[in-house]
Amino acid sequence: MTDPQPTRTPRFPRPLPALLAVLLAGSVIAGSAVLVRPAANQDRAADRVAAPAPAARVPSVDWPAQGQAAYTTSATGVLRRSGPEQPVPIASVTKVMTAHVVLRAAPLRPGESGPVIRLTAADVADTERRRAAGESVVRVEAGEELTELQALQALLLPSANNIAVVLARHTAGSVEAFVRRMNEAARELGMSGTTYRDPSGIDAGTVSTAADQVRLFDAAMADPVFAAVAGSRTAELPVAGTVRSTNTLLGQDGFVAGKTGSHDAAGGCLVFRVVREVDGRRVTVTGAVLGQRGGPLVPAALAAARDLAAQVVTGPDAAG
């Protein structure tokens, strides 16, 4: 968080408070809405926040009954959200920011593999410690070489916590320095409800909101390499072999990319991108669901995202 800055109290004409009250009354109980900048211009998204949309313009959406959810569409650029808008643990959805920071530091063009990262005995020991604690990891060996692209695949598909740490150290010299970069990037994107404490999300102190994660995923998806990795169902790694995405919605009903997350504190979480043709028009939806429970956590998040997306892509909000 940045230190608060002194502000000046603006002088408004007397009628303005009454006008603001009328505008604010247009917010919707089921979900509020703000305008967000398109993904290509997400550097100062917070600057584009506007008054809530009038009630007549907000489509009826059957939001998830628990947790938080948010979405925006290519047709309107309006960010709609539901649930208690307070920072909550986001588990491995954190790795979207990890990948975003890595690609900002060492950009890749489509078809490039990037620099090579040589794994050490210390990386193997860290992996085994995390495996014993029940964390999500991929098998590694001392002396193994992963390209940046392969490391990103290990990070985003099987959600390897051990590779999140490897990438953090390789990119910034230490995990602590990398986490500082994560929080700097969050501030640049206007993610005021987000605090990162680790690069994997295993720390329950890493928290965010569904709306912030939609902002981030929209920005991250503007990078074609990130979009390709986040949309891959499988990848081949030197030692781990074939790894598979934990997002089983990929390739179904227009789901083209996403990142899952889950642990006891976070529940089931998913950020996603859906692209579908509806009545001859292309509809793009970027969404997030957090804190889904009731059975296995990741399937709960996938089900909530599928239900939400199905309504949005065929609803008035997707038509503009």
C-alpha atoms as a PDB file:
ATOM      1  CA  MET A   1       0.000   0.000   0.000  1.00  0.00           C
ATOM      2  CA  THR A   2       1.214   3.541  -0.709  1.00  0.00           C
ATOM      3  CA  ASP A   3       1.319   6.172   2.000  1.00  0.00           C
ATOM      4  CA  PRO A   4      -1.764   8.408   1.974  1.00  0.00           C
ATOM      5  CA  GLN A   5      -1.169  11.783   0.357  1.00  0.00           C
ATOM      6  CA  PRO A   6      -2.670  15.073   1.586  1.00  0.00           C
ATOM      7  CA  THR A   7      -5.644  16.130  -0.481  1.00  0.00           C
ATOM      8  CA  ARG A   8      -7.439  19.416  -0.987  1.00  0.00           C
ATOM      9  CA  THR A   9     -11.168  19.619  -0.457  1.00  0.00           C
ATOM     10  CA  PRO A  10     -12.685  20.747  -3.794  1.00  0.00           C
ATOM     11  CA  ARG A  11     -15.317  23.436  -3.809  1.00  0.00           C
ATOM     12  CA  PHE A  12     -18.489  22.390  -5.615  1.00  0.00           C
ATOM     13  CA  PRO A  13     -21.646  24.351  -6.409  1.00  0.00           C
ATOM     14  CA  ARG A  14     -24.395  23.592  -3.919  1.00  0.00           C
ATOM     15  CA  PRO A  15     -26.580  21.459  -6.279  1.00  0.00           C
ATOM     16  CA  LEU A  16     -23.810  18.896  -6.928  1.00  0.00           C
ATOM     17  CA  PRO A  17     -24.197  16.782  -3.730  1.00  0.00           C
ATOM     18  CA  ALA A  18     -27.835  16.182  -4.602  1.00  0.00           C
ATOM     19  CA  LEU A  19     -26.848  15.190  -8.151  1.00  0.00           C
ATOM     20  CA  LEU A  20     -24.228  12.762  -6.828  1.00  0.00           C
ATOM     21  CA  ALA A  21     -26.831  11.193  -4.554  1.00  0.00           C
ATOM     22  CA  VAL A  22     -29.082  10.579  -7.564  1.00  0.00           C
ATOM     23  CA  LEU A  23     -26.234   9.002  -9.530  1.00  0.00           C
ATOM     24  CA  LEU A  24     -25.177   6.775  -6.661  1.00  0.00           C
ATOM     25  CA  ALA A  25     -28.735   5.626  -6.207  1.00  0.00           C
ATOM     26  CA  GLY A  26     -28.473   3.999  -9.630  1.00  0.00           C
ATOM     27  CA  SER A  27     -26.207   1.244  -8.318  1.00  0.00           C
ATOM     28  CA  VAL A  28     -27.616  -2.269  -8.260  1.00  0.00           C
ATOM     29  CA  ILE A  29     -27.887  -4.410  -5.153  1.00  0.00           C
ATOM     30  CA  ALA A  30     -26.984  -7.630  -6.997  1.00  0.00           C
ATOM     31  CA  GLY A  31     -23.776  -6.201  -8.465  1.00  0.00           C
ATOM     32  CA  SER A  32     -22.137  -2.819  -8.970  1.00  0.00           C
ATOM     33  CA  ALA A  33     -20.493  -1.617 -12.151  1.00  0.00           C
ATOM     34  CA  VAL A  34     -17.627   0.672 -13.092  1.00  0.00           C
ATOM     35  CA  LEU A  35     -16.043   1.475 -16.427  1.00  0.00           C
ATOM     36  CA  VAL A  36     -12.635  -0.041 -17.042  1.00  0.00           C
ATOM     37  CA  ARG A  37     -10.060   0.716 -19.668  1.00  0.00           C
ATOM     38  CA  PRO A  38      -9.596  -1.943 -22.406  1.00  0.00           C
ATOM     39  CA  ALA A  39      -6.724  -4.383 -21.867  1.00  0.00           C
ATOM     40  CA  ALA A  40      -4.318  -2.569 -24.177  1.00  0.00           C
ATOM     41  CA  ASN A  41      -4.550   0.562 -22.028  1.00  0.00           C
ATOM     42  CA  GLN A  42      -4.630  -0.927 -18.543  1.00  0.00           C
ATOM     43  CA  ASP A  43      -1.618   1.021 -17.238  1.00  0.00           C
ATOM     44  CA  ARG A  44      -3.811   3.442 -15.278  1.00  0.00           C
ATOM     45  CA  ALA A  45      -7.119   1.626 -15.082  1.00  0.00           C
ATOM     46  CA  ALA A  46      -8.038   3.323 -11.804  1.00  0.00           C
ATOM     47  CA  ASP A  47      -8.190   6.665 -13.606  1.00  0.00           C
ATOM     48  CA  ARG A  48     -11.178   5.487 -15.635  1.00  0.00           C
ATOM     49  CA  VAL A  49     -13.553   4.642 -12.802  1.00  0.00           C
ATOM     50  CA  ALA A  50     -16.922   6.246 -13.402  1.00  0.00           C
ATOM     51  CA  ALA A  51     -20.258   6.509 -11.640  1.00  0.00           C
ATOM     52  CA  PRO A  52     -22.304   3.286 -11.355  1.00  0.00           C
ATOM     53  CA  ALA A  53     -24.424   2.484 -14.390  1.00  0.00           C
ATOM     54  CA  PRO A  54     -28.144   3.257 -14.153  1.00  0.00           C
ATOM     55  CA  ALA A  55     -30.217   0.322 -12.947  1.00  0.00           C
ATOM     56  CA  ALA A  56     -31.966  -0.017 -16.300  1.00  0.00           C
ATOM     57  CA  ARG A  57     -28.618  -0.721 -18.030  1.00  0.00           C
ATOM     58  CA  VAL A  58     -27.469  -3.501 -15.709  1.00  0.00           C
ATOM     59  CA  PRO A  59     -28.380  -6.961 -17.008  1.00  0.00           C
ATOM     60  CA  SER A  60     -29.931  -9.525 -14.730  1.00  0.00           C
ATOM     61  CA  VAL A  61     -27.248 -12.054 -13.740  1.00  0.00           C
ATOM     62  CA  ASP A  62     -27.611 -15.015 -11.430  1.00  0.00           C
ATOM     63  CA  TRP A  63     -24.351 -14.450  -9.555  1.00  0.00           C
ATOM     64  CA  PRO A  64     -22.631 -17.233  -7.577  1.00  0.00           C
ATOM     65  CA  ALA A  65     -24.382 -17.655  -4.230  1.00  0.00           C
ATOM     66  CA  GLN A  66     -21.105 -17.435  -2.317  1.00  0.00           C
ATOM     67  CA  GLY A  67     -17.778 -15.677  -2.524  1.00  0.00           C
ATOM     68  CA  GLN A  68     -17.063 -12.919  -5.030  1.00  0.00           C
ATOM     69  CA  ALA A  69     -17.430 -12.650  -8.786  1.00  0.00           C
ATOM     70  CA  ALA A  70     -16.742 -10.037 -11.446  1.00  0.00           C
ATOM     71  CA  TYR A  71     -16.676  -9.780 -15.219  1.00  0.00           C
ATOM     72  CA  THR A  72     -16.282  -7.393 -18.127  1.00  0.00           C
ATOM     73  CA  THR A  73     -17.148  -7.811 -21.796  1.00  0.00           C
ATOM     74  CA  SER A  74     -15.652  -6.538 -25.023  1.00  0.00           C
ATOM     75  CA  ALA A  75     -18.965  -4.922 -25.900  1.00  0.00           C
ATOM     76  CA  THR A  76     -19.200  -2.517 -22.969  1.00  0.00           C
ATOM     77  CA  GLY A  77     -15.893  -2.371 -21.090  1.00  0.00           C
ATOM     78  CA  VAL A  78     -17.971  -2.203 -17.908  1.00  0.00           C
ATOM     79  CA  LEU A  79     -16.658  -4.073 -14.879  1.00  0.00           C
ATOM     80  CA  ARG A  80     -19.523  -5.642 -12.937  1.00  0.00           C
ATOM     81  CA  ARG A  81     -19.054  -7.378  -9.601  1.00  0.00           C
ATOM     82  CA  SER A  82     -20.986  -9.169  -6.894  1.00  0.00           C
ATOM     83  CA  GLY A  83     -20.419 -10.356  -3.351  1.00  0.00           C
ATOM     84  CA  PRO A  84     -18.601  -8.656  -0.469  1.00  0.00           C
ATOM     85  CA  GLU A  85     -15.930  -6.555  -2.157  1.00  0.00           C
ATOM     86  CA  GLN A  86     -13.141  -7.044   0.332  1.00  0.00           C
ATOM     87  CA  PRO A  87      -9.668  -8.529  -0.083  1.00  0.00           C
ATOM     88  CA  VAL A  88      -9.642 -12.322   0.320  1.00  0.00           C
ATOM     89  CA  PRO A  89      -7.014 -15.032  -0.232  1.00  0.00           C
ATOM     90  CA  ILE A  90      -6.693 -15.986  -3.914  1.00  0.00           C
ATOM     91  CA  ALA A  91      -4.393 -19.047  -3.765  1.00  0.00           C
ATOM     92  CA  SER A  92      -2.742 -19.896  -7.106  1.00  0.00           C
ATOM     93  CA  VAL A  93      -4.598 -17.218  -9.050  1.00  0.00           C
ATOM     94  CA  THR A  94      -1.610 -15.261  -7.699  1.00  0.00           C
ATOM     95  CA  LYS A  95       0.471 -16.857 -10.456  1.00  0.00           C
ATOM     96  CA  VAL A  96      -1.177 -14.650 -13.064  1.00  0.00           C
ATOM     97  CA  MET A  97       0.699 -11.707 -11.574  1.00  0.00           C
ATOM     98  CA  THR A  98       3.850 -13.820 -11.247  1.00  0.00           C
ATOM     99  CA  ALA A  99       3.773 -14.571 -14.981  1.00  0.00           C
ATOM    100  CA  HIS A 100       2.875 -10.961 -15.785  1.00  0.00           C
ATOM    101  CA  VAL A 101       5.882  -9.629 -13.853  1.00  0.00           C
ATOM    102  CA  VAL A 102       8.234 -12.224 -15.405  1.00  0.00           C
ATOM    103  CA  LEU A 103       7.122 -11.304 -18.926  1.00  0.00           C
ATOM    104  CA  ARG A 104       7.494  -7.603 -18.198  1.00  0.00           C
ATOM    105  CA  ALA A 105      11.078  -8.198 -17.054  1.00  0.00           C
ATOM    106  CA  ALA A 106      11.962 -10.613 -19.883  1.00  0.00           C
ATOM    107  CA  PRO A 107       9.448 -10.261 -22.727  1.00  0.00           C
ATOM    108  CA  LEU A 108       9.035 -13.091 -25.204  1.00  0.00           C
ATOM    109  CA  ARG A 109       7.778 -12.981 -28.772  1.00  0.00           C
ATOM    110  CA  PRO A 110       5.536 -15.806 -30.002  1.00  0.00           C
ATOM    111  CA  GLY A 111       7.799 -18.696 -30.937  1.00  0.00           C
ATOM    112  CA  GLU A 112      10.611 -17.665 -28.596  1.00  0.00           C
ATOM    113  CA  SER A 113      11.642 -19.784 -25.602  1.00  0.00           C
ATOM    114  CA  GLY A 114      13.680 -17.195 -23.722  1.00  0.00           C
ATOM    115  CA  PRO A 115      16.681 -17.568 -21.423  1.00  0.00           C
ATOM    116  CA  VAL A 116      17.553 -20.853 -19.758  1.00  0.00           C
ATOM    117  CA  ILE A 117      17.186 -21.366 -16.016  1.00  0.00           C
ATOM    118  CA  ARG A 118      19.429 -24.046 -14.495  1.00  0.00           C
ATOM    119  CA  LEU A 119      17.918 -25.745 -11.447  1.00  0.00           C
ATOM    120  CA  THR A 120      20.041 -26.500  -8.397  1.00  0.00           C
ATOM    121  CA  ALA A 121      20.130 -28.967  -5.537  1.00  0.00           C
ATOM    122  CA  ALA A 122      18.555 -26.242  -3.402  1.00  0.00           C
ATOM    123  CA  ASP A 123      15.630 -26.088  -5.854  1.00  0.00           C
ATOM    124  CA  VAL A 124      15.186 -29.856  -5.561  1.00  0.00           C
ATOM    125  CA  ALA A 125      15.240 -29.664  -1.755  1.00  0.00           C
ATOM    126  CA  ASP A 126      12.675 -26.848  -1.820  1.00  0.00           C
ATOM    127  CA  THR A 127      10.483 -28.906  -4.147  1.00  0.00           C
ATOM    128  CA  GLU A 128      10.538 -31.922  -1.840  1.00  0.00           C
ATOM    129  CA  ARG A 129       9.725 -29.771   1.178  1.00  0.00           C
ATOM    130  CA  ARG A 130       6.732 -28.309  -0.620  1.00  0.00           C
ATOM    131  CA  ARG A 131       5.614 -31.716  -1.870  1.00  0.00           C
ATOM    132  CA  ALA A 132       5.708 -33.083   1.684  1.00  0.00           C
ATOM    133  CA  ALA A 133       3.548 -30.148   2.812  1.00  0.00           C
ATOM    134  CA  GLY A 134       0.926 -31.003   0.193  1.00  0.00           C
ATOM    135  CA  GLU A 135       1.700 -28.119  -2.157  1.00  0.00           C
ATOM    136  CA  SER A 136       1.354 -28.304  -5.932  1.00  0.00           C
ATOM    137  CA  VAL A 137       4.788 -28.909  -7.525  1.00  0.00           C
ATOM    138  CA  VAL A 138       6.406 -30.427 -10.604  1.00  0.00           C
ATOM    139  CA  ARG A 139       9.312 -32.869 -10.409  1.00  0.00           C
ATOM    140  CA  VAL A 140      12.726 -31.300 -10.969  1.00  0.00           C
ATOM    141  CA  GLU A 141      16.359 -32.444 -10.919  1.00  0.00           C
ATOM    142  CA  ALA A 142      19.599 -30.666 -10.099  1.00  0.00           C
ATOM    143  CA  GLY A 143      21.176 -29.488 -13.340  1.00  0.00           C
ATOM    144  CA  GLU A 144      17.869 -29.524 -15.228  1.00  0.00           C
ATOM    145  CA  GLU A 145      17.482 -26.634 -17.633  1.00  0.00           C
ATOM    146  CA  LEU A 146      14.133 -24.939 -18.163  1.00  0.00           C
ATOM    147  CA  THR A 147      13.589 -22.170 -20.656  1.00  0.00           C
ATOM    148  CA  GLU A 148      11.560 -19.176 -19.524  1.00  0.00           C
ATOM    149  CA  LEU A 149       8.651 -20.458 -21.621  1.00  0.00           C
ATOM    150  CA  GLN A 150       8.805 -23.925 -20.035  1.00  0.00           C
ATOM    151  CA  ALA A 151       8.948 -22.386 -16.566  1.00  0.00           C
ATOM    152  CA  LEU A 152       5.833 -20.321 -17.363  1.00  0.00           C
ATOM    153  CA  GLN A 153       4.099 -23.475 -18.565  1.00  0.00           C
ATOM    154  CA  ALA A 154       4.978 -25.252 -15.314  1.00  0.00           C
ATOM    155  CA  LEU A 155       3.744 -22.213 -13.390  1.00  0.00           C
ATOM    156  CA  LEU A 156       0.377 -21.796 -15.105  1.00  0.00           C
ATOM    157  CA  LEU A 157      -0.706 -25.292 -16.181  1.00  0.00           C
ATOM    158  CA  PRO A 158      -0.062 -27.679 -13.259  1.00  0.00           C
ATOM    159  CA  SER A 159       0.309 -24.614 -10.968  1.00  0.00           C
ATOM    160  CA  ALA A 160       3.760 -25.489  -9.645  1.00  0.00           C
ATOM    161  CA  ASN A 161       4.609 -23.569  -6.471  1.00  0.00           C
ATOM    162  CA  ASN A 162       8.250 -24.629  -6.667  1.00  0.00           C
ATOM    163  CA  ILE A 163       8.605 -23.042 -10.113  1.00  0.00           C
ATOM    164  CA  ALA A 164       6.973 -19.825  -8.883  1.00  0.00           C
ATOM    165  CA  VAL A 165       9.870 -19.473  -6.460  1.00  0.00           C
ATOM    166  CA  VAL A 166      12.429 -20.394  -9.144  1.00  0.00           C
ATOM    167  CA  LEU A 167      11.047 -17.718 -11.470  1.00  0.00           C
ATOM    168  CA  ALA A 168      10.951 -15.118  -8.697  1.00  0.00           C
ATOM    169  CA  ARG A 169      14.609 -15.616  -7.800  1.00  0.00           C
ATOM    170  CA  HIS A 170      15.699 -15.780 -11.428  1.00  0.00           C
ATOM    171  CA  THR A 171      13.817 -12.574 -12.310  1.00  0.00           C
ATOM    172  CA  ALA A 172      14.516 -10.346  -9.316  1.00  0.00           C
ATOM    173  CA  GLY A 173      17.385 -11.977  -7.416  1.00  0.00           C
ATOM    174  CA  SER A 174      15.242 -12.868  -4.417  1.00  0.00           C
ATOM    175  CA  VAL A 175      11.661 -13.727  -3.594  1.00  0.00           C
ATOM    176  CA  GLU A 176      11.333 -10.569  -1.504  1.00  0.00           C
ATOM    177  CA  ALA A 177      12.450  -8.322  -4.369  1.00  0.00           C
ATOM    178  CA  PHE A 178      10.107 -10.093  -6.762  1.00  0.00           C
ATOM    179  CA  VAL A 179       7.128  -9.654  -4.435  1.00  0.00           C
ATOM    180  CA  ARG A 180       7.871  -5.929  -4.320  1.00  0.00           C
ATOM    181  CA  ARG A 181       7.628  -5.897  -8.110  1.00  0.00           C
ATOM    182  CA  MET A 182       4.309  -7.723  -7.931  1.00  0.00           C
ATOM    183  CA  ASN A 183       2.867  -5.086  -5.626  1.00  0.00           C
ATOM    184  CA  GLU A 184       4.254  -2.279  -7.772  1.00  0.00           C
ATOM    185  CA  ALA A 185       2.561  -3.784 -10.836  1.00  0.00           C
ATOM    186  CA  ALA A 186      -0.694  -4.098  -8.889  1.00  0.00           C
ATOM    187  CA  ARG A 187      -0.586  -0.405  -7.991  1.00  0.00           C
ATOM    188  CA  GLU A 188       0.078   0.522 -11.636  1.00  0.00           C
ATOM    189  CA  LEU A 189      -3.047  -1.399 -12.666  1.00  0.00           C
ATOM    190  CA  GLY A 190      -5.194   0.281 -10.019  1.00  0.00           C
ATOM    191  CA  MET A 191      -5.634  -2.936  -8.020  1.00  0.00           C
ATOM    192  CA  SER A 192      -6.356  -1.149  -4.748  1.00  0.00           C
ATOM    193  CA  GLY A 193      -7.724  -4.251  -3.015  1.00  0.00           C
ATOM    194  CA  THR A 194      -4.664  -6.423  -3.687  1.00  0.00           C
ATOM    195  CA  THR A 195      -1.604  -7.294  -1.608  1.00  0.00           C
ATOM    196  CA  TYR A 196       0.941  -9.913  -2.663  1.00  0.00           C
ATOM    197  CA  ARG A 197       3.099 -11.628  -0.042  1.00  0.00           C
ATOM    198  CA  ASP A 198       4.470 -14.504  -2.120  1.00  0.00           C
ATOM    199  CA  PRO A 199       4.727 -15.522  -5.798  1.00  0.00           C
ATOM    200  CA  SER A 200       2.658 -18.725  -5.552  1.00  0.00           C
ATOM    201  CA  GLY A 201      -0.378 -17.797  -3.439  1.00  0.00           C
ATOM    202  CA  ILE A 202       0.248 -20.429  -0.777  1.00  0.00           C
ATOM    203  CA  ASP A 203       0.499 -17.573   1.757  1.00  0.00           C
ATOM    204  CA  ALA A 204      -3.035 -16.707   2.898  1.00  0.00           C
ATOM    205  CA  GLY A 205      -1.801 -13.125   3.328  1.00  0.00           C
ATOM    206  CA  THR A 206      -1.775 -12.785  -0.458  1.00  0.00           C
ATOM    207  CA  VAL A 207      -5.214 -11.265  -1.005  1.00  0.00           C
ATOM    208  CA  SER A 208      -7.230  -9.573  -3.720  1.00  0.00           C
ATOM    209  CA  THR A 209     -10.753  -9.002  -5.029  1.00  0.00           C
ATOM    210  CA  ALA A 210     -12.554 -10.503  -8.006  1.00  0.00           C
ATOM    211  CA  ALA A 211     -12.680  -7.077  -9.664  1.00  0.00           C
ATOM    212  CA  ASP A 212      -8.926  -6.579  -9.286  1.00  0.00           C
ATOM    213  CA  GLN A 213      -8.241  -9.997 -10.779  1.00  0.00           C
ATOM    214  CA  VAL A 214     -10.379  -9.195 -13.812  1.00  0.00           C
ATOM    215  CA  ARG A 215      -8.346  -6.015 -14.306  1.00  0.00           C
ATOM    216  CA  LEU A 216      -5.115  -8.007 -14.087  1.00  0.00           C
ATOM    217  CA  PHE A 217      -6.198 -10.864 -16.326  1.00  0.00           C
ATOM    218  CA  ASP A 218      -7.389  -8.432 -18.989  1.00  0.00           C
ATOM    219  CA  ALA A 219      -3.959  -6.765 -18.925  1.00  0.00           C
ATOM    220  CA  ALA A 220      -2.037 -10.064 -18.880  1.00  0.00           C
ATOM    221  CA  MET A 221      -4.020 -11.448 -21.820  1.00  0.00           C
ATOM    222  CA  ALA A 222      -2.797  -8.554 -23.975  1.00  0.00           C
ATOM    223  CA  ASP A 223       0.554 -10.406 -24.080  1.00  0.00           C
ATOM    224  CA  PRO A 224       0.245 -13.126 -26.758  1.00  0.00           C
ATOM    225  CA  VAL A 225       2.758 -15.392 -25.006  1.00  0.00           C
ATOM    226  CA  PHE A 226       0.860 -15.243 -21.723  1.00  0.00           C
ATOM    227  CA  ALA A 227      -2.416 -15.829 -23.595  1.00  0.00           C
ATOM    228  CA  ALA A 228      -0.968 -18.869 -25.365  1.00  0.00           C
ATOM    229  CA  VAL A 229       0.358 -20.435 -22.160  1.00  0.00           C
ATOM    230  CA  ALA A 230      -2.791 -19.673 -20.151  1.00  0.00           C
ATOM    231  CA  GLY A 231      -4.802 -21.272 -22.950  1.00  0.00           C
ATOM    232  CA  SER A 232      -2.720 -24.462 -23.251  1.00  0.00           C
ATOM    233  CA  ARG A 233      -4.104 -27.734 -21.991  1.00  0.00           C
ATOM    234  CA  THR A 234      -0.771 -29.599 -21.985  1.00  0.00           C
ATOM    235  CA  ALA A 235       2.965 -28.916 -22.220  1.00  0.00           C
ATOM    236  CA  GLU A 236       6.178 -30.957 -22.220  1.00  0.00           C
ATOM    237  CA  LEU A 237       8.862 -30.354 -19.592  1.00  0.00           C
ATOM    238  CA  PRO A 238      12.356 -31.892 -19.548  1.00  0.00           C
ATOM    239  CA  VAL A 239      12.004 -33.882 -16.290  1.00  0.00           C
ATOM    240  CA  ALA A 240       8.328 -33.695 -15.346  1.00  0.00           C
ATOM    241  CA  GLY A 241       7.260 -34.789 -18.836  1.00  0.00           C
ATOM    242  CA  THR A 242       3.701 -34.026 -19.914  1.00  0.00           C
ATOM    243  CA  VAL A 243       1.933 -31.579 -17.609  1.00  0.00           C
ATOM    244  CA  ARG A 244      -1.753 -30.685 -17.833  1.00  0.00           C
ATOM    245  CA  SER A 245      -3.719 -27.580 -16.998  1.00  0.00           C
ATOM    246  CA  THR A 246      -5.827 -27.667 -13.866  1.00  0.00           C
ATOM    247  CA  ASN A 247      -8.426 -25.644 -15.811  1.00  0.00           C
ATOM    248  CA  THR A 248     -10.547 -28.365 -17.384  1.00  0.00           C
ATOM    249  CA  LEU A 249     -12.906 -25.812 -18.965  1.00  0.00           C
ATOM    250  CA  LEU A 250     -10.335 -24.986 -21.653  1.00  0.00           C
ATOM    251  CA  GLY A 251     -11.680 -25.801 -25.096  1.00  0.00           C
ATOM    252  CA  GLN A 252     -15.279 -25.971 -23.890  1.00  0.00           C
ATOM    253  CA  ASP A 253     -18.035 -23.388 -24.387  1.00  0.00           C
ATOM    254  CA  GLY A 254     -15.583 -20.752 -25.564  1.00  0.00           C
ATOM    255  CA  PHE A 255     -13.171 -20.923 -22.602  1.00  0.00           C
ATOM    256  CA  VAL A 256      -9.818 -19.990 -24.151  1.00  0.00           C
ATOM    257  CA  ALA A 257      -7.650 -19.200 -21.099  1.00  0.00           C
ATOM    258  CA  GLY A 258      -7.680 -19.188 -17.324  1.00  0.00           C
ATOM    259  CA  LYS A 259      -5.935 -19.887 -14.049  1.00  0.00           C
ATOM    260  CA  THR A 260      -7.292 -21.861 -11.125  1.00  0.00           C
ATOM    261  CA  GLY A 261      -6.463 -21.531  -7.445  1.00  0.00           C
ATOM    262  CA  SER A 262      -7.489 -23.310  -4.269  1.00  0.00           C
ATOM    263  CA  HIS A 263      -6.630 -23.842  -0.631  1.00  0.00           C
ATOM    264  CA  ASP A 264      -8.597 -23.913   2.589  1.00  0.00           C
ATOM    265  CA  ALA A 265      -8.398 -20.171   3.194  1.00  0.00           C
ATOM    266  CA  ALA A 266      -9.221 -19.183  -0.391  1.00  0.00           C
ATOM    267  CA  GLY A 267     -11.781 -21.785  -1.400  1.00  0.00           C
ATOM    268  CA  GLY A 268     -11.983 -22.411  -5.129  1.00  0.00           C
ATOM    269  CA  CYS A 269     -10.917 -19.585  -7.452  1.00  0.00           C
ATOM    270  CA  LEU A 270     -10.717 -19.036 -11.201  1.00  0.00           C
ATOM    271  CA  VAL A 271      -9.911 -16.193 -13.551  1.00  0.00           C
ATOM    272  CA  PHE A 272     -10.974 -16.826 -17.134  1.00  0.00           C
ATOM    273  CA  ARG A 273     -11.423 -15.599 -20.687  1.00  0.00           C
ATOM    274  CA  VAL A 274     -14.326 -16.744 -22.854  1.00  0.00           C
ATOM    275  CA  VAL A 275     -14.655 -15.983 -26.567  1.00  0.00           C
ATOM    276  CA  ARG A 276     -17.793 -17.033 -28.427  1.00  0.00           C
ATOM    277  CA  GLU A 277     -19.732 -16.210 -31.569  1.00  0.00           C
ATOM    278  CA  VAL A 278     -23.302 -15.286 -30.685  1.00  0.00           C
ATOM    279  CA  ASP A 279     -25.750 -14.364 -33.452  1.00  0.00           C
ATOM    280  CA  GLY A 280     -22.901 -13.569 -35.809  1.00  0.00           C
ATOM    281  CA  ARG A 281     -20.973 -11.375 -33.353  1.00  0.00           C
ATOM    282  CA  ARG A 282     -17.826 -12.111 -31.422  1.00  0.00           C
ATOM    283  CA  VAL A 283     -18.256 -11.818 -27.655  1.00  0.00           C
ATOM    284  CA  THR A 284     -15.278 -11.734 -25.277  1.00  0.00           C
ATOM    285  CA  VAL A 285     -15.804 -12.081 -21.526  1.00  0.00           C
ATOM    286  CA  THR A 286     -13.093 -11.785 -18.880  1.00  0.00           C
ATOM    287  CA  GLY A 287     -14.191 -12.922 -15.438  1.00  0.00           C
ATOM    288  CA  ALA A 288     -13.204 -14.081 -11.981  1.00  0.00           C
ATOM    289  CA  VAL A 289     -14.837 -16.105  -9.244  1.00  0.00           C
ATOM    290  CA  LEU A 290     -13.324 -16.357  -5.752  1.00  0.00           C
ATOM    291  CA  GLY A 291     -14.198 -18.206  -2.546  1.00  0.00           C
ATOM    292  CA  GLN A 292     -16.240 -21.050  -4.049  1.00  0.00           C
ATOM    293  CA  ARG A 293     -16.923 -23.995  -1.731  1.00  0.00           C
ATOM    294  CA  GLY A 294     -19.223 -26.967  -1.309  1.00  0.00           C
ATOM    295  CA  GLY A 295     -17.316 -30.052  -2.418  1.00  0.00           C
ATOM    296  CA  PRO A 296     -13.924 -30.120  -4.153  1.00  0.00           C
ATOM    297  CA  LEU A 297     -12.736 -26.532  -4.423  1.00  0.00           C
ATOM    298  CA  VAL A 298     -11.461 -26.278  -7.994  1.00  0.00           C
ATOM    299  CA  PRO A 299     -14.550 -27.986  -9.488  1.00  0.00           C
ATOM    300  CA  ALA A 300     -16.719 -25.579  -7.460  1.00  0.00           C
ATOM    301  CA  ALA A 301     -14.909 -22.612  -9.013  1.00  0.00           C
ATOM    302  CA  LEU A 302     -15.107 -24.097 -12.515  1.00  0.00           C
ATOM    303  CA  ALA A 303     -18.838 -24.694 -12.160  1.00  0.00           C
ATOM    304  CA  ALA A 304     -19.470 -21.149 -10.914  1.00  0.00           C
ATOM    305  CA  ALA A 305     -17.445 -19.657 -13.783  1.00  0.00           C
ATOM    306  CA  ARG A 306     -19.192 -21.816 -16.377  1.00  0.00           C
ATOM    307  CA  ASP A 307     -22.636 -20.788 -15.118  1.00  0.00           C
ATOM    308  CA  LEU A 308     -21.720 -17.105 -14.971  1.00  0.00           C
ATOM    309  CA  ALA A 309     -20.140 -17.050 -18.435  1.00  0.00           C
ATOM    310  CA  ALA A 310     -23.094 -18.855 -20.008  1.00  0.00           C
ATOM    311  CA  GLN A 311     -25.405 -16.067 -18.859  1.00  0.00           C
ATOM    312  CA  VAL A 312     -23.102 -13.215 -19.810  1.00  0.00           C
ATOM    313  CA  VAL A 313     -22.240 -14.268 -23.370  1.00  0.00           C
ATOM    314  CA  THR A 314     -25.911 -14.479 -24.305  1.00  0.00           C
ATOM    315  CA  GLY A 315     -27.142 -11.528 -22.232  1.00  0.00           C
ATOM    316  CA  PRO A 316     -27.641  -7.840 -23.022  1.00  0.00           C
ATOM    317  CA  ASP A 317     -24.312  -6.848 -21.469  1.00  0.00           C
ATOM    318  CA  ALA A 318     -22.472  -8.755 -24.206  1.00  0.00           C
ATOM    319  CA  ALA A 319     -24.413  -6.923 -26.902  1.00  0.00           C
ATOM    320  CA  GLY A 320     -23.350  -3.475 -25.747  1.00  0.00           C
END
